[in-house]
Amino acid sequence: MSRMYNQTGNLYKGVFDCLFKTIRTEGVLAIYKGYFAHLARILPHTILTLSLAEQTNKVMRRLEDRFLSDSLKENL
């Protein structure tokens, strides 16, 4: 898509025209240009977010179990 936005003149008629011309002139791997830079940016964020969410869930379950067990003891 960035090729279409950055084009000078009317090089591409649409998305599929851009896709087919890119594959024809530069090869299939040109589609993935910039993918690894994006992956290097987003992967650490995703790993941290999922790890933090998992740890938060564990802590919340422990607190919930502790709260429920304390309230059950009070009712006895």
C-alpha atoms as a PDB file:
ATOM      1  CA  MET A   1       0.000   0.000   0.000  1.00  0.00           C
ATOM      2  CA  SER A   2       2.819   2.428   0.705  1.00  0.00           C
ATOM      3  CA  ARG A   3       3.915   2.120  -2.923  1.00  0.00           C
ATOM      4  CA  MET A   4       0.532   3.373  -4.048  1.00  0.00           C
ATOM      5  CA  TYR A   5       0.599   6.293  -1.619  1.00  0.00           C
ATOM      6  CA  ASN A   6       4.133   7.286  -2.564  1.00  0.00           C
ATOM      7  CA  GLN A   7       3.776   6.896  -6.325  1.00  0.00           C
ATOM      8  CA  THR A   8       4.528   9.809  -8.617  1.00  0.00           C
ATOM      9  CA  GLY A   9       1.933  10.101 -11.326  1.00  0.00           C
ATOM     10  CA  ASN A  10      -0.346   7.176 -12.075  1.00  0.00           C
ATOM     11  CA  LEU A  11       2.005   4.208 -11.984  1.00  0.00           C
ATOM     12  CA  TYR A  12      -0.551   1.857 -10.416  1.00  0.00           C
ATOM     13  CA  LYS A  13      -4.258   1.634 -11.200  1.00  0.00           C
ATOM     14  CA  GLY A  14      -5.199  -0.138  -7.987  1.00  0.00           C
ATOM     15  CA  VAL A  15      -4.130  -2.544  -5.262  1.00  0.00           C
ATOM     16  CA  PHE A  16      -4.028  -5.644  -7.453  1.00  0.00           C
ATOM     17  CA  ASP A  17      -2.225  -3.819 -10.248  1.00  0.00           C
ATOM     18  CA  CYS A  18       0.412  -2.738  -7.725  1.00  0.00           C
ATOM     19  CA  LEU A  19       0.677  -6.281  -6.365  1.00  0.00           C
ATOM     20  CA  PHE A  20       1.071  -7.927  -9.770  1.00  0.00           C
ATOM     21  CA  LYS A  21       3.548  -5.334 -11.074  1.00  0.00           C
ATOM     22  CA  THR A  22       5.639  -5.633  -7.921  1.00  0.00           C
ATOM     23  CA  ILE A  23       5.751  -9.429  -8.177  1.00  0.00           C
ATOM     24  CA  ARG A  24       6.525  -9.276 -11.896  1.00  0.00           C
ATOM     25  CA  THR A  25       9.350  -6.735 -11.591  1.00  0.00           C
ATOM     26  CA  GLU A  26      10.898  -7.524  -8.178  1.00  0.00           C
ATOM     27  CA  GLY A  27       9.753 -11.032  -7.330  1.00  0.00           C
ATOM     28  CA  VAL A  28       7.531 -12.494  -4.626  1.00  0.00           C
ATOM     29  CA  LEU A  29       9.929 -11.610  -1.797  1.00  0.00           C
ATOM     30  CA  ALA A  30       9.360  -7.907  -2.497  1.00  0.00           C
ATOM     31  CA  ILE A  31       5.922  -8.312  -0.899  1.00  0.00           C
ATOM     32  CA  TYR A  32       7.622  -9.039   2.434  1.00  0.00           C
ATOM     33  CA  LYS A  33       9.994  -6.079   2.280  1.00  0.00           C
ATOM     34  CA  GLY A  34       9.891  -4.352   5.653  1.00  0.00           C
ATOM     35  CA  TYR A  35       8.173  -7.293   7.357  1.00  0.00           C
ATOM     36  CA  PHE A  36      11.158  -8.199   9.531  1.00  0.00           C
ATOM     37  CA  ALA A  37      11.595  -4.600  10.685  1.00  0.00           C
ATOM     38  CA  HIS A  38       7.938  -4.571  11.709  1.00  0.00           C
ATOM     39  CA  LEU A  39       8.338  -7.936  13.433  1.00  0.00           C
ATOM     40  CA  ALA A  40      11.394  -6.695  15.344  1.00  0.00           C
ATOM     41  CA  ARG A  41       9.326  -3.750  16.577  1.00  0.00           C
ATOM     42  CA  ILE A  42       6.117  -5.552  17.521  1.00  0.00           C
ATOM     43  CA  LEU A  43       7.459  -8.875  18.863  1.00  0.00           C
ATOM     44  CA  PRO A  44       8.981  -7.555  22.135  1.00  0.00           C
ATOM     45  CA  HIS A  45       5.787  -5.593  22.839  1.00  0.00           C
ATOM     46  CA  THR A  46       3.628  -8.669  22.286  1.00  0.00           C
ATOM     47  CA  ILE A  47       5.827 -10.881  24.460  1.00  0.00           C
ATOM     48  CA  LEU A  48       5.803  -8.360  27.315  1.00  0.00           C
ATOM     49  CA  THR A  49       2.056  -7.787  27.074  1.00  0.00           C
ATOM     50  CA  LEU A  50       1.176 -11.488  27.137  1.00  0.00           C
ATOM     51  CA  SER A  51       3.646 -12.220  29.960  1.00  0.00           C
ATOM     52  CA  LEU A  52       2.304  -9.359  32.053  1.00  0.00           C
ATOM     53  CA  ALA A  53      -1.298 -10.442  31.452  1.00  0.00           C
ATOM     54  CA  GLU A  54      -0.485 -14.002  32.511  1.00  0.00           C
ATOM     55  CA  GLN A  55       1.280 -12.885  35.687  1.00  0.00           C
ATOM     56  CA  THR A  56      -1.568 -10.494  36.530  1.00  0.00           C
ATOM     57  CA  ASN A  57      -4.090 -13.325  36.155  1.00  0.00           C
ATOM     58  CA  LYS A  58      -2.041 -15.542  38.493  1.00  0.00           C
ATOM     59  CA  VAL A  59      -1.867 -12.826  41.153  1.00  0.00           C
ATOM     60  CA  MET A  60      -5.582 -12.083  40.849  1.00  0.00           C
ATOM     61  CA  ARG A  61      -6.460 -15.786  41.211  1.00  0.00           C
ATOM     62  CA  ARG A  62      -4.301 -16.053  44.346  1.00  0.00           C
ATOM     63  CA  LEU A  63      -5.927 -12.966  45.849  1.00  0.00           C
ATOM     64  CA  GLU A  64      -9.372 -14.267  44.971  1.00  0.00           C
ATOM     65  CA  ASP A  65      -8.629 -17.669  46.525  1.00  0.00           C
ATOM     66  CA  ARG A  66      -7.247 -16.027  49.654  1.00  0.00           C
ATOM     67  CA  PHE A  67     -10.253 -13.707  49.948  1.00  0.00           C
ATOM     68  CA  LEU A  68     -12.734 -16.541  49.446  1.00  0.00           C
ATOM     69  CA  SER A  69     -10.995 -18.839  51.931  1.00  0.00           C
ATOM     70  CA  ASP A  70     -10.873 -16.044  54.558  1.00  0.00           C
ATOM     71  CA  SER A  71     -14.557 -15.229  54.094  1.00  0.00           C
ATOM     72  CA  LEU A  72     -15.499 -18.912  54.361  1.00  0.00           C
ATOM     73  CA  LYS A  73     -13.545 -19.222  57.630  1.00  0.00           C
ATOM     74  CA  GLU A  74     -15.422 -16.231  59.056  1.00  0.00           C
ATOM     75  CA  ASN A  75     -18.774 -17.802  58.242  1.00  0.00           C
ATOM     76  CA  LEU A  76     -17.938 -20.994  60.150  1.00  0.00           C
END
